[in-house]
Amino acid sequence: MKKLITVVFTLFIFNILTAQTNETEDYVEFDDRKNIVHGVYLGFTPQYGRISNEDAGVFNLKLAYVANRKFEIGLSGSAFFSSQPNNTNVYRGDEVFLVGAYGGLHLEPILFGNRFISVSFPLMIGGGGITILEKKANGDFDETPLENDTYDYDSFFIVEPGVNILYNISRFVQIETGVRYRISESFQLPFYEKDNIKGFSVGMGIKIGIFNMGRKKKIKDKF
């Protein structure tokens, strides 16, 4: 009788241990505090700003890697345009068109990245170029060759810090709204007064990519 009880007790313990082993295999335990989450995205942000006290449009495109929803590093590029008063004797019409582009290294620390709404502080460090276009009678703009049939442009160094509010719509989509300030050195174009593109801009954009690669999930039961 004692042998039978011993055998039954042994089988009972064995079944419990086997069940615990299967349960462990069915579920992958994870600790978010130790799990590093990676991400990568392509973002587009149209912005409105001011250049030399005149309206300006800015279009930004960036490609970045996101580390653990806490920090971004990548490349950023922006194109801009602005109608300016024609204070020269070379270009026809009352207005000229300043157009250019700039880009460089993109850095962005993020606060509260695991929440639906988070805050970030983007910073772009780089350089750019600018030229001037002439306004035609029909309202179009065209680049006018200067002496020796050459087109003139100038380059500049720029730093652009800002503040963003991020909306984490899903693991693939993020919406950003924010304000930035361009800090640039002056440019000089022939027949045009020395100037710069310093100023604020505000915008709203979208980021499309994957923001939580590497996060482990529980495996559901197969029944």
N, C-alpha and C. Protein backbone atom coordinates (compact mmCIF):
# COMPACT_ATOMS: atom_id res chain seq x y z
N MET A 1 0.83 -1.21 0.00
CA MET A 1 0.00 0.00 0.00
C MET A 1 0.87 1.26 0.00
N LYS A 2 1.94 1.22 0.84
CA LYS A 2 2.83 2.38 0.90
C LYS A 2 3.51 2.61 -0.45
N LYS A 3 3.86 1.49 -1.13
CA LYS A 3 4.50 1.62 -2.45
C LYS A 3 3.55 2.27 -3.45
N LEU A 4 2.25 1.89 -3.39
CA LEU A 4 1.25 2.46 -4.30
C LEU A 4 1.10 3.95 -4.06
N ILE A 5 1.04 4.33 -2.77
CA ILE A 5 0.91 5.75 -2.44
C ILE A 5 2.13 6.53 -2.92
N THR A 6 3.29 5.92 -2.77
CA THR A 6 4.53 6.58 -3.21
C THR A 6 4.53 6.78 -4.71
N VAL A 7 4.08 5.75 -5.45
CA VAL A 7 4.03 5.85 -6.91
C VAL A 7 3.05 6.92 -7.35
N VAL A 8 1.86 6.95 -6.74
CA VAL A 8 0.84 7.95 -7.09
C VAL A 8 1.35 9.35 -6.78
N PHE A 9 1.98 9.53 -5.62
CA PHE A 9 2.52 10.85 -5.25
C PHE A 9 3.61 11.29 -6.22
N THR A 10 4.45 10.35 -6.62
CA THR A 10 5.52 10.68 -7.58
C THR A 10 4.94 11.11 -8.92
N LEU A 11 3.92 10.38 -9.40
CA LEU A 11 3.28 10.76 -10.67
C LEU A 11 2.62 12.12 -10.56
N PHE A 12 2.02 12.41 -9.42
CA PHE A 12 1.36 13.70 -9.22
C PHE A 12 2.37 14.85 -9.30
N ILE A 13 3.50 14.71 -8.62
CA ILE A 13 4.54 15.73 -8.66
C ILE A 13 5.09 15.88 -10.07
N PHE A 14 5.28 14.76 -10.76
CA PHE A 14 5.80 14.79 -12.13
C PHE A 14 4.86 15.56 -13.05
N ASN A 15 3.54 15.33 -12.91
CA ASN A 15 2.56 16.04 -13.75
C ASN A 15 2.59 17.54 -13.50
N ILE A 16 2.75 17.93 -12.23
CA ILE A 16 2.82 19.36 -11.91
C ILE A 16 4.03 20.01 -12.55
N LEU A 17 5.18 19.34 -12.43
CA LEU A 17 6.41 19.88 -13.02
C LEU A 17 6.32 19.96 -14.53
N THR A 18 5.70 18.95 -15.15
CA THR A 18 5.53 18.95 -16.61
C THR A 18 4.63 20.08 -17.05
N ALA A 19 3.54 20.33 -16.31
CA ALA A 19 2.63 21.42 -16.66
C ALA A 19 3.32 22.76 -16.56
N GLN A 20 4.14 22.94 -15.53
CA GLN A 20 4.86 24.21 -15.38
C GLN A 20 5.85 24.41 -16.51
N THR A 21 6.49 23.33 -16.96
CA THR A 21 7.44 23.42 -18.07
C THR A 21 6.75 23.82 -19.35
N ASN A 22 5.58 23.21 -19.63
CA ASN A 22 4.82 23.56 -20.84
C ASN A 22 4.35 24.99 -20.80
N GLU A 23 3.93 25.43 -19.60
CA GLU A 23 3.46 26.80 -19.47
C GLU A 23 4.58 27.79 -19.74
N THR A 24 5.79 27.44 -19.27
CA THR A 24 6.94 28.31 -19.52
C THR A 24 7.27 28.38 -20.99
N GLU A 25 7.09 27.23 -21.70
CA GLU A 25 7.39 27.20 -23.13
C GLU A 25 6.36 27.97 -23.94
N ASP A 26 5.09 28.01 -23.44
CA ASP A 26 4.03 28.69 -24.17
C ASP A 26 4.12 30.20 -24.04
N TYR A 27 4.79 30.67 -23.01
CA TYR A 27 4.86 32.10 -22.79
C TYR A 27 6.32 32.54 -22.69
N VAL A 28 6.62 33.65 -23.35
CA VAL A 28 7.95 34.24 -23.26
C VAL A 28 7.87 35.41 -22.30
N GLU A 29 8.50 35.29 -21.15
CA GLU A 29 8.48 36.37 -20.17
C GLU A 29 9.46 37.45 -20.58
N PHE A 30 9.09 38.68 -20.33
CA PHE A 30 9.98 39.77 -20.67
C PHE A 30 9.86 40.89 -19.64
N ASP A 31 10.88 41.66 -19.56
CA ASP A 31 10.93 42.82 -18.67
C ASP A 31 11.24 44.04 -19.52
N ASP A 32 10.26 44.92 -19.71
CA ASP A 32 10.43 46.09 -20.58
C ASP A 32 11.58 46.97 -20.13
N ARG A 33 11.92 46.91 -18.85
CA ARG A 33 13.00 47.76 -18.37
C ARG A 33 14.35 47.31 -18.90
N LYS A 34 14.47 46.02 -19.26
CA LYS A 34 15.73 45.50 -19.76
C LYS A 34 15.69 45.27 -21.27
N ASN A 35 14.53 45.44 -21.87
CA ASN A 35 14.37 45.15 -23.29
C ASN A 35 14.62 46.41 -24.11
N ILE A 36 15.62 46.39 -24.97
CA ILE A 36 15.94 47.55 -25.81
C ILE A 36 15.08 47.52 -27.06
N VAL A 37 14.40 48.62 -27.34
CA VAL A 37 13.51 48.73 -28.49
C VAL A 37 14.16 49.61 -29.55
N HIS A 38 14.18 49.13 -30.78
CA HIS A 38 14.77 49.88 -31.88
C HIS A 38 13.68 50.40 -32.81
N GLY A 39 14.02 51.38 -33.62
CA GLY A 39 13.08 51.91 -34.59
C GLY A 39 13.78 52.64 -35.71
N VAL A 40 13.08 52.78 -36.82
CA VAL A 40 13.59 53.54 -37.96
C VAL A 40 12.39 54.11 -38.70
N TYR A 41 12.51 55.33 -39.23
CA TYR A 41 11.37 55.95 -39.89
C TYR A 41 11.82 56.96 -40.94
N LEU A 42 10.86 57.30 -41.80
CA LEU A 42 11.00 58.39 -42.77
C LEU A 42 9.93 59.42 -42.44
N GLY A 43 10.34 60.67 -42.24
CA GLY A 43 9.39 61.70 -41.82
C GLY A 43 9.31 62.86 -42.80
N PHE A 44 8.11 63.43 -42.91
CA PHE A 44 7.89 64.61 -43.77
C PHE A 44 7.10 65.64 -42.98
N THR A 45 7.61 66.88 -42.94
CA THR A 45 6.97 67.95 -42.17
C THR A 45 6.95 69.26 -42.95
N PRO A 46 5.79 69.69 -43.45
CA PRO A 46 5.68 71.04 -44.01
C PRO A 46 5.59 72.07 -42.89
N GLN A 47 6.23 73.22 -43.09
CA GLN A 47 6.28 74.24 -42.05
C GLN A 47 6.00 75.62 -42.64
N TYR A 48 5.50 76.48 -41.78
CA TYR A 48 5.33 77.89 -42.12
C TYR A 48 6.27 78.70 -41.24
N GLY A 49 6.96 79.68 -41.85
CA GLY A 49 7.88 80.50 -41.08
C GLY A 49 8.02 81.89 -41.66
N ARG A 50 9.03 82.60 -41.19
CA ARG A 50 9.31 83.96 -41.66
C ARG A 50 10.79 84.08 -41.97
N ILE A 51 11.09 84.72 -43.09
CA ILE A 51 12.46 85.04 -43.48
C ILE A 51 12.50 86.52 -43.83
N SER A 52 13.33 87.28 -43.14
CA SER A 52 13.42 88.74 -43.35
C SER A 52 12.06 89.41 -43.27
N ASN A 53 11.27 89.00 -42.27
CA ASN A 53 9.95 89.57 -42.02
C ASN A 53 8.94 89.30 -43.12
N GLU A 54 9.20 88.32 -43.97
CA GLU A 54 8.26 87.93 -45.02
C GLU A 54 7.90 86.45 -44.84
N ASP A 55 6.70 86.09 -45.34
CA ASP A 55 6.25 84.70 -45.24
C ASP A 55 7.21 83.76 -45.96
N ALA A 56 7.34 82.55 -45.40
CA ALA A 56 8.22 81.55 -46.00
C ALA A 56 7.63 80.16 -45.81
N GLY A 57 7.84 79.31 -46.79
CA GLY A 57 7.44 77.91 -46.70
C GLY A 57 8.68 77.04 -46.57
N VAL A 58 8.61 76.05 -45.69
CA VAL A 58 9.73 75.13 -45.47
C VAL A 58 9.19 73.71 -45.52
N PHE A 59 9.88 72.83 -46.25
CA PHE A 59 9.48 71.43 -46.35
C PHE A 59 10.65 70.57 -45.89
N ASN A 60 10.41 69.79 -44.84
CA ASN A 60 11.48 69.01 -44.21
C ASN A 60 11.28 67.52 -44.45
N LEU A 61 12.37 66.84 -44.75
CA LEU A 61 12.38 65.38 -44.91
C LEU A 61 13.53 64.83 -44.07
N LYS A 62 13.25 63.78 -43.30
CA LYS A 62 14.33 63.20 -42.49
C LYS A 62 14.21 61.69 -42.41
N LEU A 63 15.37 61.07 -42.27
CA LEU A 63 15.49 59.62 -42.09
C LEU A 63 16.28 59.40 -40.81
N ALA A 64 15.72 58.64 -39.87
CA ALA A 64 16.37 58.55 -38.56
C ALA A 64 16.19 57.17 -37.93
N TYR A 65 17.13 56.85 -37.06
CA TYR A 65 17.08 55.65 -36.22
C TYR A 65 16.67 56.08 -34.81
N VAL A 66 15.77 55.29 -34.20
CA VAL A 66 15.27 55.61 -32.86
C VAL A 66 15.78 54.56 -31.88
N ALA A 67 16.49 55.00 -30.86
CA ALA A 67 17.05 54.10 -29.86
C ALA A 67 16.19 54.07 -28.61
N ASN A 68 15.51 52.94 -28.40
CA ASN A 68 14.75 52.70 -27.16
C ASN A 68 13.70 53.77 -26.88
N ARG A 69 13.18 54.39 -27.94
CA ARG A 69 12.17 55.45 -27.81
C ARG A 69 12.65 56.63 -26.97
N LYS A 70 13.98 56.80 -26.90
CA LYS A 70 14.54 57.87 -26.08
C LYS A 70 15.42 58.82 -26.86
N PHE A 71 15.91 58.40 -28.02
CA PHE A 71 16.85 59.26 -28.75
C PHE A 71 16.83 58.90 -30.23
N GLU A 72 16.84 59.95 -31.07
CA GLU A 72 16.90 59.77 -32.52
C GLU A 72 18.21 60.32 -33.06
N ILE A 73 18.73 59.65 -34.08
CA ILE A 73 19.89 60.16 -34.80
C ILE A 73 19.71 59.81 -36.27
N GLY A 74 19.97 60.78 -37.14
CA GLY A 74 19.77 60.54 -38.56
C GLY A 74 20.18 61.73 -39.40
N LEU A 75 19.56 61.82 -40.57
CA LEU A 75 19.83 62.89 -41.52
C LEU A 75 18.56 63.68 -41.77
N SER A 76 18.71 65.00 -41.91
CA SER A 76 17.56 65.88 -42.13
C SER A 76 17.87 66.84 -43.27
N GLY A 77 16.87 67.08 -44.12
CA GLY A 77 17.03 68.04 -45.21
C GLY A 77 15.78 68.88 -45.38
N SER A 78 15.94 70.16 -45.67
CA SER A 78 14.80 71.07 -45.82
C SER A 78 14.99 71.95 -47.05
N ALA A 79 13.88 72.20 -47.74
CA ALA A 79 13.85 73.17 -48.84
C ALA A 79 12.95 74.32 -48.43
N PHE A 80 13.30 75.54 -48.84
CA PHE A 80 12.51 76.70 -48.41
C PHE A 80 12.38 77.70 -49.56
N PHE A 81 11.38 78.57 -49.45
CA PHE A 81 11.18 79.63 -50.44
C PHE A 81 10.48 80.80 -49.75
N SER A 82 10.72 82.00 -50.28
CA SER A 82 10.10 83.19 -49.71
C SER A 82 10.13 84.32 -50.72
N SER A 83 9.00 84.98 -50.91
CA SER A 83 8.94 86.18 -51.76
C SER A 83 9.45 87.37 -50.96
N GLN A 84 10.34 88.15 -51.56
CA GLN A 84 10.95 89.29 -50.90
C GLN A 84 10.81 90.54 -51.77
N PRO A 85 10.76 91.72 -51.16
CA PRO A 85 10.72 92.96 -51.96
C PRO A 85 11.96 93.07 -52.85
N ASN A 86 11.76 93.55 -54.06
CA ASN A 86 12.86 93.72 -55.00
C ASN A 86 13.51 95.09 -54.78
N ASN A 87 14.64 95.07 -54.10
CA ASN A 87 15.36 96.31 -53.83
C ASN A 87 16.59 96.47 -54.73
N THR A 88 16.59 95.74 -55.83
CA THR A 88 17.73 95.80 -56.75
C THR A 88 17.34 96.51 -58.03
N ASN A 89 18.34 96.84 -58.83
CA ASN A 89 18.11 97.43 -60.16
C ASN A 89 18.33 96.41 -61.27
N VAL A 90 18.52 95.15 -60.87
CA VAL A 90 18.84 94.11 -61.85
C VAL A 90 17.61 93.28 -62.19
N TYR A 91 16.83 92.94 -61.18
CA TYR A 91 15.67 92.07 -61.39
C TYR A 91 14.42 92.91 -61.62
N ARG A 92 13.58 92.41 -62.51
CA ARG A 92 12.34 93.11 -62.84
C ARG A 92 11.25 92.77 -61.82
N GLY A 93 10.24 93.63 -61.75
CA GLY A 93 9.11 93.38 -60.87
C GLY A 93 9.32 93.92 -59.47
N ASP A 94 8.24 93.83 -58.70
CA ASP A 94 8.27 94.34 -57.33
C ASP A 94 8.81 93.32 -56.33
N GLU A 95 8.89 92.05 -56.74
CA GLU A 95 9.33 91.01 -55.83
C GLU A 95 10.37 90.10 -56.47
N VAL A 96 11.22 89.57 -55.62
CA VAL A 96 12.13 88.49 -56.04
C VAL A 96 11.83 87.29 -55.15
N PHE A 97 12.38 86.16 -55.55
CA PHE A 97 12.05 84.90 -54.90
C PHE A 97 13.33 84.28 -54.35
N LEU A 98 13.45 84.22 -53.03
CA LEU A 98 14.58 83.54 -52.41
C LEU A 98 14.24 82.06 -52.26
N VAL A 99 15.10 81.20 -52.75
CA VAL A 99 14.87 79.76 -52.67
C VAL A 99 16.18 79.07 -52.32
N GLY A 100 16.10 78.05 -51.53
CA GLY A 100 17.31 77.35 -51.12
C GLY A 100 17.01 76.06 -50.39
N ALA A 101 18.04 75.45 -49.87
CA ALA A 101 17.91 74.20 -49.13
C ALA A 101 19.04 74.10 -48.11
N TYR A 102 18.79 73.33 -47.08
CA TYR A 102 19.83 73.07 -46.08
C TYR A 102 19.59 71.69 -45.48
N GLY A 103 20.62 71.13 -44.90
CA GLY A 103 20.50 69.81 -44.30
C GLY A 103 21.72 69.47 -43.47
N GLY A 104 21.64 68.34 -42.78
CA GLY A 104 22.76 67.93 -41.94
C GLY A 104 22.37 66.85 -40.96
N LEU A 105 23.08 66.80 -39.86
CA LEU A 105 22.88 65.80 -38.82
C LEU A 105 21.65 66.12 -37.98
N HIS A 106 20.82 65.10 -37.77
CA HIS A 106 19.60 65.25 -36.98
C HIS A 106 19.75 64.51 -35.66
N LEU A 107 19.56 65.21 -34.54
CA LEU A 107 19.60 64.63 -33.20
C LEU A 107 18.31 65.01 -32.47
N GLU A 108 17.72 64.07 -31.72
CA GLU A 108 16.44 64.38 -31.08
C GLU A 108 16.23 63.55 -29.81
N PRO A 109 16.55 64.11 -28.64
CA PRO A 109 16.22 63.44 -27.38
C PRO A 109 14.70 63.42 -27.18
N ILE A 110 14.18 62.33 -26.58
CA ILE A 110 12.74 62.15 -26.41
C ILE A 110 12.42 61.89 -24.94
N LEU A 111 11.39 62.55 -24.44
CA LEU A 111 10.89 62.31 -23.09
C LEU A 111 9.53 61.63 -23.16
N PHE A 112 9.28 60.67 -22.26
CA PHE A 112 8.00 59.94 -22.19
C PHE A 112 7.71 59.20 -23.49
N GLY A 113 8.73 58.58 -24.07
CA GLY A 113 8.57 57.91 -25.37
C GLY A 113 7.63 56.73 -25.35
N ASN A 114 7.36 56.13 -24.17
CA ASN A 114 6.47 54.98 -24.09
C ASN A 114 5.00 55.37 -23.98
N ARG A 115 4.72 56.66 -23.87
CA ARG A 115 3.34 57.12 -23.74
C ARG A 115 2.77 57.55 -25.08
N PHE A 116 1.44 57.73 -25.09
CA PHE A 116 0.78 58.13 -26.34
C PHE A 116 1.26 59.51 -26.78
N ILE A 117 1.44 60.42 -25.84
CA ILE A 117 1.95 61.76 -26.14
C ILE A 117 3.31 61.92 -25.49
N SER A 118 4.30 62.30 -26.27
CA SER A 118 5.65 62.50 -25.75
C SER A 118 6.20 63.83 -26.23
N VAL A 119 7.31 64.23 -25.65
CA VAL A 119 7.95 65.51 -25.96
C VAL A 119 9.37 65.25 -26.44
N SER A 120 9.80 65.98 -27.47
CA SER A 120 11.16 65.81 -27.98
C SER A 120 11.79 67.16 -28.27
N PHE A 121 13.10 67.14 -28.40
CA PHE A 121 13.86 68.37 -28.63
C PHE A 121 14.81 68.17 -29.82
N PRO A 122 14.28 68.34 -31.05
CA PRO A 122 15.11 68.12 -32.24
C PRO A 122 16.19 69.18 -32.40
N LEU A 123 17.30 68.75 -32.99
CA LEU A 123 18.41 69.66 -33.28
C LEU A 123 19.03 69.24 -34.60
N MET A 124 19.12 70.19 -35.53
CA MET A 124 19.77 69.94 -36.81
C MET A 124 21.01 70.82 -36.91
N ILE A 125 22.14 70.22 -37.29
CA ILE A 125 23.39 70.95 -37.47
C ILE A 125 23.90 70.65 -38.87
N GLY A 126 24.08 71.69 -39.68
CA GLY A 126 24.53 71.44 -41.05
C GLY A 126 24.80 72.71 -41.82
N GLY A 127 24.53 72.65 -43.10
CA GLY A 127 24.77 73.79 -43.98
C GLY A 127 23.78 73.80 -45.12
N GLY A 128 23.81 74.88 -45.91
CA GLY A 128 22.87 74.99 -47.02
C GLY A 128 23.32 75.98 -48.06
N GLY A 129 22.45 76.17 -49.05
CA GLY A 129 22.72 77.12 -50.11
C GLY A 129 21.47 77.89 -50.47
N ILE A 130 21.64 79.07 -51.06
CA ILE A 130 20.50 79.93 -51.39
C ILE A 130 20.79 80.67 -52.69
N THR A 131 19.73 80.93 -53.44
CA THR A 131 19.85 81.71 -54.67
C THR A 131 18.63 82.61 -54.79
N ILE A 132 18.61 83.44 -55.81
CA ILE A 132 17.51 84.39 -56.00
C ILE A 132 16.91 84.19 -57.39
N LEU A 133 15.59 84.21 -57.47
CA LEU A 133 14.88 84.06 -58.73
C LEU A 133 14.13 85.35 -59.05
N GLU A 134 14.00 85.62 -60.33
CA GLU A 134 13.30 86.83 -60.78
C GLU A 134 11.84 86.51 -61.07
N LYS A 135 10.97 87.44 -60.70
CA LYS A 135 9.55 87.26 -60.95
C LYS A 135 9.19 87.81 -62.33
N LYS A 136 8.59 86.95 -63.16
CA LYS A 136 8.19 87.37 -64.51
C LYS A 136 6.86 88.11 -64.47
N ALA A 137 6.51 88.67 -65.61
CA ALA A 137 5.27 89.45 -65.69
C ALA A 137 4.04 88.58 -65.45
N ASN A 138 4.11 87.29 -65.83
CA ASN A 138 2.96 86.41 -65.66
C ASN A 138 2.87 85.81 -64.26
N GLY A 139 3.77 86.21 -63.38
CA GLY A 139 3.74 85.72 -62.01
C GLY A 139 4.66 84.57 -61.73
N ASP A 140 5.22 83.95 -62.78
CA ASP A 140 6.17 82.87 -62.57
C ASP A 140 7.52 83.42 -62.13
N PHE A 141 8.34 82.52 -61.60
CA PHE A 141 9.68 82.90 -61.19
C PHE A 141 10.70 82.15 -62.03
N ASP A 142 11.79 82.83 -62.34
CA ASP A 142 12.83 82.22 -63.16
C ASP A 142 14.18 82.74 -62.72
N GLU A 143 15.20 81.89 -62.82
CA GLU A 143 16.54 82.30 -62.45
C GLU A 143 17.14 83.09 -63.61
N THR A 144 17.68 84.24 -63.30
CA THR A 144 18.26 85.12 -64.32
C THR A 144 19.78 85.03 -64.28
N PRO A 145 20.42 84.70 -65.40
CA PRO A 145 21.88 84.64 -65.40
C PRO A 145 22.49 86.03 -65.22
N LEU A 146 23.56 86.07 -64.44
CA LEU A 146 24.26 87.32 -64.24
C LEU A 146 25.39 87.43 -65.26
N GLU A 147 26.44 88.14 -64.94
CA GLU A 147 27.53 88.32 -65.88
C GLU A 147 28.16 86.99 -66.26
N ASN A 148 28.59 86.87 -67.50
CA ASN A 148 29.22 85.66 -68.03
C ASN A 148 28.28 84.46 -68.01
N ASP A 149 26.97 84.75 -68.05
CA ASP A 149 25.95 83.69 -68.07
C ASP A 149 26.07 82.72 -66.90
N THR A 150 26.45 83.19 -65.75
CA THR A 150 26.56 82.34 -64.56
C THR A 150 25.40 82.63 -63.61
N TYR A 151 25.02 81.62 -62.87
CA TYR A 151 23.97 81.77 -61.87
C TYR A 151 24.61 81.90 -60.50
N ASP A 152 24.14 82.81 -59.71
CA ASP A 152 24.80 83.08 -58.44
C ASP A 152 24.05 82.42 -57.29
N TYR A 153 24.83 81.96 -56.33
CA TYR A 153 24.28 81.40 -55.10
C TYR A 153 25.31 81.60 -54.00
N ASP A 154 24.89 81.39 -52.76
CA ASP A 154 25.81 81.48 -51.64
C ASP A 154 25.48 80.36 -50.66
N SER A 155 26.46 79.98 -49.87
CA SER A 155 26.28 78.92 -48.88
C SER A 155 26.30 79.50 -47.48
N PHE A 156 25.81 78.74 -46.52
CA PHE A 156 25.76 79.22 -45.14
C PHE A 156 25.75 78.03 -44.18
N PHE A 157 26.17 78.29 -42.96
CA PHE A 157 26.11 77.32 -41.87
C PHE A 157 24.83 77.57 -41.07
N ILE A 158 24.21 76.48 -40.58
CA ILE A 158 22.95 76.64 -39.88
C ILE A 158 22.83 75.64 -38.74
N VAL A 159 22.22 76.10 -37.65
CA VAL A 159 21.83 75.26 -36.52
C VAL A 159 20.34 75.50 -36.27
N GLU A 160 19.57 74.42 -36.12
CA GLU A 160 18.12 74.58 -35.98
C GLU A 160 17.61 73.74 -34.80
N PRO A 161 17.48 74.34 -33.61
CA PRO A 161 16.88 73.63 -32.47
C PRO A 161 15.36 73.78 -32.50
N GLY A 162 14.68 72.96 -31.70
CA GLY A 162 13.23 73.05 -31.66
C GLY A 162 12.62 72.24 -30.53
N VAL A 163 11.29 72.27 -30.47
CA VAL A 163 10.52 71.49 -29.50
C VAL A 163 9.35 70.86 -30.25
N ASN A 164 9.14 69.55 -30.06
CA ASN A 164 8.06 68.83 -30.72
C ASN A 164 7.15 68.15 -29.70
N ILE A 165 5.87 68.06 -30.04
CA ILE A 165 4.92 67.19 -29.35
C ILE A 165 4.67 66.02 -30.29
N LEU A 166 4.91 64.79 -29.81
CA LEU A 166 4.77 63.59 -30.63
C LEU A 166 3.53 62.81 -30.21
N TYR A 167 2.77 62.33 -31.19
CA TYR A 167 1.58 61.51 -30.95
C TYR A 167 1.85 60.12 -31.51
N ASN A 168 1.98 59.14 -30.63
CA ASN A 168 2.30 57.77 -31.04
C ASN A 168 1.01 57.05 -31.44
N ILE A 169 0.63 57.20 -32.71
CA ILE A 169 -0.63 56.64 -33.20
C ILE A 169 -0.59 55.11 -33.18
N SER A 170 0.49 54.52 -33.67
CA SER A 170 0.67 53.08 -33.69
C SER A 170 2.15 52.78 -33.75
N ARG A 171 2.50 51.51 -33.83
CA ARG A 171 3.92 51.15 -33.92
C ARG A 171 4.51 51.53 -35.27
N PHE A 172 3.65 51.93 -36.23
CA PHE A 172 4.11 52.28 -37.57
C PHE A 172 3.97 53.76 -37.91
N VAL A 173 3.15 54.49 -37.17
CA VAL A 173 2.84 55.88 -37.52
C VAL A 173 2.98 56.77 -36.29
N GLN A 174 3.57 57.93 -36.52
CA GLN A 174 3.71 58.94 -35.47
C GLN A 174 3.45 60.32 -36.08
N ILE A 175 2.69 61.13 -35.37
CA ILE A 175 2.41 62.50 -35.80
C ILE A 175 3.21 63.45 -34.92
N GLU A 176 3.79 64.49 -35.54
CA GLU A 176 4.54 65.47 -34.76
C GLU A 176 4.06 66.88 -35.07
N THR A 177 3.99 67.70 -34.06
CA THR A 177 3.75 69.13 -34.21
C THR A 177 4.82 69.85 -33.41
N GLY A 178 5.27 70.99 -33.92
CA GLY A 178 6.34 71.65 -33.18
C GLY A 178 6.74 72.99 -33.72
N VAL A 179 7.69 73.58 -33.04
CA VAL A 179 8.24 74.88 -33.43
C VAL A 179 9.75 74.77 -33.46
N ARG A 180 10.38 75.47 -34.41
CA ARG A 180 11.83 75.45 -34.55
C ARG A 180 12.34 76.87 -34.80
N TYR A 181 13.61 77.04 -34.51
CA TYR A 181 14.23 78.34 -34.76
C TYR A 181 15.52 78.14 -35.54
N ARG A 182 15.60 78.79 -36.70
CA ARG A 182 16.80 78.70 -37.54
C ARG A 182 17.83 79.73 -37.11
N ILE A 183 19.03 79.27 -36.83
CA ILE A 183 20.16 80.16 -36.51
C ILE A 183 21.18 79.98 -37.63
N SER A 184 21.29 80.97 -38.51
CA SER A 184 22.17 80.82 -39.67
C SER A 184 23.13 81.99 -39.78
N GLU A 185 24.24 81.72 -40.43
CA GLU A 185 25.15 82.82 -40.75
C GLU A 185 24.61 83.57 -41.96
N SER A 186 25.11 84.75 -42.20
CA SER A 186 24.60 85.59 -43.29
C SER A 186 25.05 85.07 -44.65
N PHE A 187 24.22 85.33 -45.65
CA PHE A 187 24.59 85.04 -47.03
C PHE A 187 24.70 86.35 -47.80
N GLN A 188 25.40 86.33 -48.90
CA GLN A 188 25.59 87.52 -49.72
C GLN A 188 25.43 87.16 -51.19
N LEU A 189 24.41 87.75 -51.83
CA LEU A 189 24.18 87.55 -53.26
C LEU A 189 24.42 88.87 -53.98
N PRO A 190 24.94 88.83 -55.22
CA PRO A 190 25.19 90.07 -55.97
C PRO A 190 23.91 90.90 -56.13
N PHE A 191 24.03 92.18 -55.96
CA PHE A 191 22.93 93.14 -56.13
C PHE A 191 21.82 92.95 -55.10
N TYR A 192 22.07 92.12 -54.09
CA TYR A 192 21.06 91.89 -53.06
C TYR A 192 21.73 92.11 -51.70
N GLU A 193 21.03 92.80 -50.82
CA GLU A 193 21.63 93.14 -49.53
C GLU A 193 21.98 91.89 -48.72
N LYS A 194 23.00 92.02 -47.89
CA LYS A 194 23.42 90.92 -47.04
C LYS A 194 22.29 90.55 -46.08
N ASP A 195 22.04 89.24 -45.94
CA ASP A 195 20.88 88.82 -45.16
C ASP A 195 21.14 87.43 -44.58
N ASN A 196 20.14 86.88 -43.87
CA ASN A 196 20.21 85.52 -43.34
C ASN A 196 18.81 84.94 -43.31
N ILE A 197 18.70 83.68 -42.95
CA ILE A 197 17.38 83.03 -42.91
C ILE A 197 16.96 82.73 -41.47
N LYS A 198 17.47 83.49 -40.53
CA LYS A 198 17.09 83.29 -39.13
C LYS A 198 15.58 83.48 -38.95
N GLY A 199 15.00 82.69 -38.05
CA GLY A 199 13.59 82.88 -37.76
C GLY A 199 12.91 81.62 -37.27
N PHE A 200 11.69 81.80 -36.73
CA PHE A 200 10.89 80.69 -36.25
C PHE A 200 10.12 80.05 -37.39
N SER A 201 9.77 78.80 -37.20
CA SER A 201 8.84 78.11 -38.10
C SER A 201 8.04 77.11 -37.29
N VAL A 202 6.79 76.92 -37.68
CA VAL A 202 5.91 75.95 -37.02
C VAL A 202 5.42 74.97 -38.07
N GLY A 203 5.17 73.74 -37.65
CA GLY A 203 4.73 72.76 -38.63
C GLY A 203 4.10 71.54 -37.99
N MET A 204 3.52 70.72 -38.85
CA MET A 204 2.90 69.46 -38.45
C MET A 204 3.26 68.42 -39.49
N GLY A 205 3.76 67.28 -39.04
CA GLY A 205 4.23 66.28 -39.99
C GLY A 205 3.89 64.87 -39.56
N ILE A 206 4.35 63.92 -40.37
CA ILE A 206 4.09 62.50 -40.13
C ILE A 206 5.38 61.72 -40.26
N LYS A 207 5.52 60.72 -39.41
CA LYS A 207 6.64 59.79 -39.47
C LYS A 207 6.08 58.39 -39.75
N ILE A 208 6.63 57.71 -40.73
CA ILE A 208 6.18 56.37 -41.08
C ILE A 208 7.37 55.42 -41.01
N GLY A 209 7.21 54.36 -40.27
CA GLY A 209 8.29 53.39 -40.13
C GLY A 209 7.93 52.33 -39.11
N ILE A 210 8.89 51.89 -38.34
CA ILE A 210 8.69 50.94 -37.25
C ILE A 210 9.34 51.53 -36.02
N PHE A 211 8.59 51.62 -34.92
CA PHE A 211 9.10 52.32 -33.74
C PHE A 211 9.37 51.40 -32.55
N ASN A 212 9.07 50.10 -32.68
CA ASN A 212 9.30 49.21 -31.54
C ASN A 212 9.84 47.85 -31.98
N MET A 213 10.79 47.83 -32.89
CA MET A 213 11.43 46.58 -33.28
C MET A 213 12.20 46.01 -32.09
N GLY A 214 12.09 44.69 -31.88
CA GLY A 214 12.85 44.05 -30.82
C GLY A 214 12.06 43.83 -29.55
N ARG A 215 10.84 44.34 -29.49
CA ARG A 215 10.04 44.13 -28.29
C ARG A 215 9.42 42.74 -28.31
N LYS A 216 9.59 41.98 -27.23
CA LYS A 216 9.07 40.63 -27.15
C LYS A 216 7.62 40.66 -26.72
N LYS A 217 6.86 39.69 -27.22
CA LYS A 217 5.46 39.59 -26.87
C LYS A 217 5.14 38.17 -26.38
N LYS A 218 4.07 38.04 -25.61
CA LYS A 218 3.65 36.72 -25.15
C LYS A 218 3.08 35.92 -26.31
N ILE A 219 3.39 34.60 -26.31
CA ILE A 219 2.87 33.71 -27.34
C ILE A 219 1.54 33.16 -26.86
N LYS A 220 0.50 33.33 -27.64
CA LYS A 220 -0.83 32.89 -27.24
C LYS A 220 -0.96 31.37 -27.33
N ASP A 221 -1.89 30.83 -26.53
CA ASP A 221 -2.16 29.39 -26.58
C ASP A 221 -2.70 29.00 -27.94
N LYS A 222 -2.42 27.79 -28.36
CA LYS A 222 -2.85 27.31 -29.67
C LYS A 222 -4.17 26.55 -29.56
N PHE A 223 -5.09 27.07 -28.78
CA PHE A 223 -6.41 26.46 -28.70
C PHE A 223 -7.44 27.51 -28.38
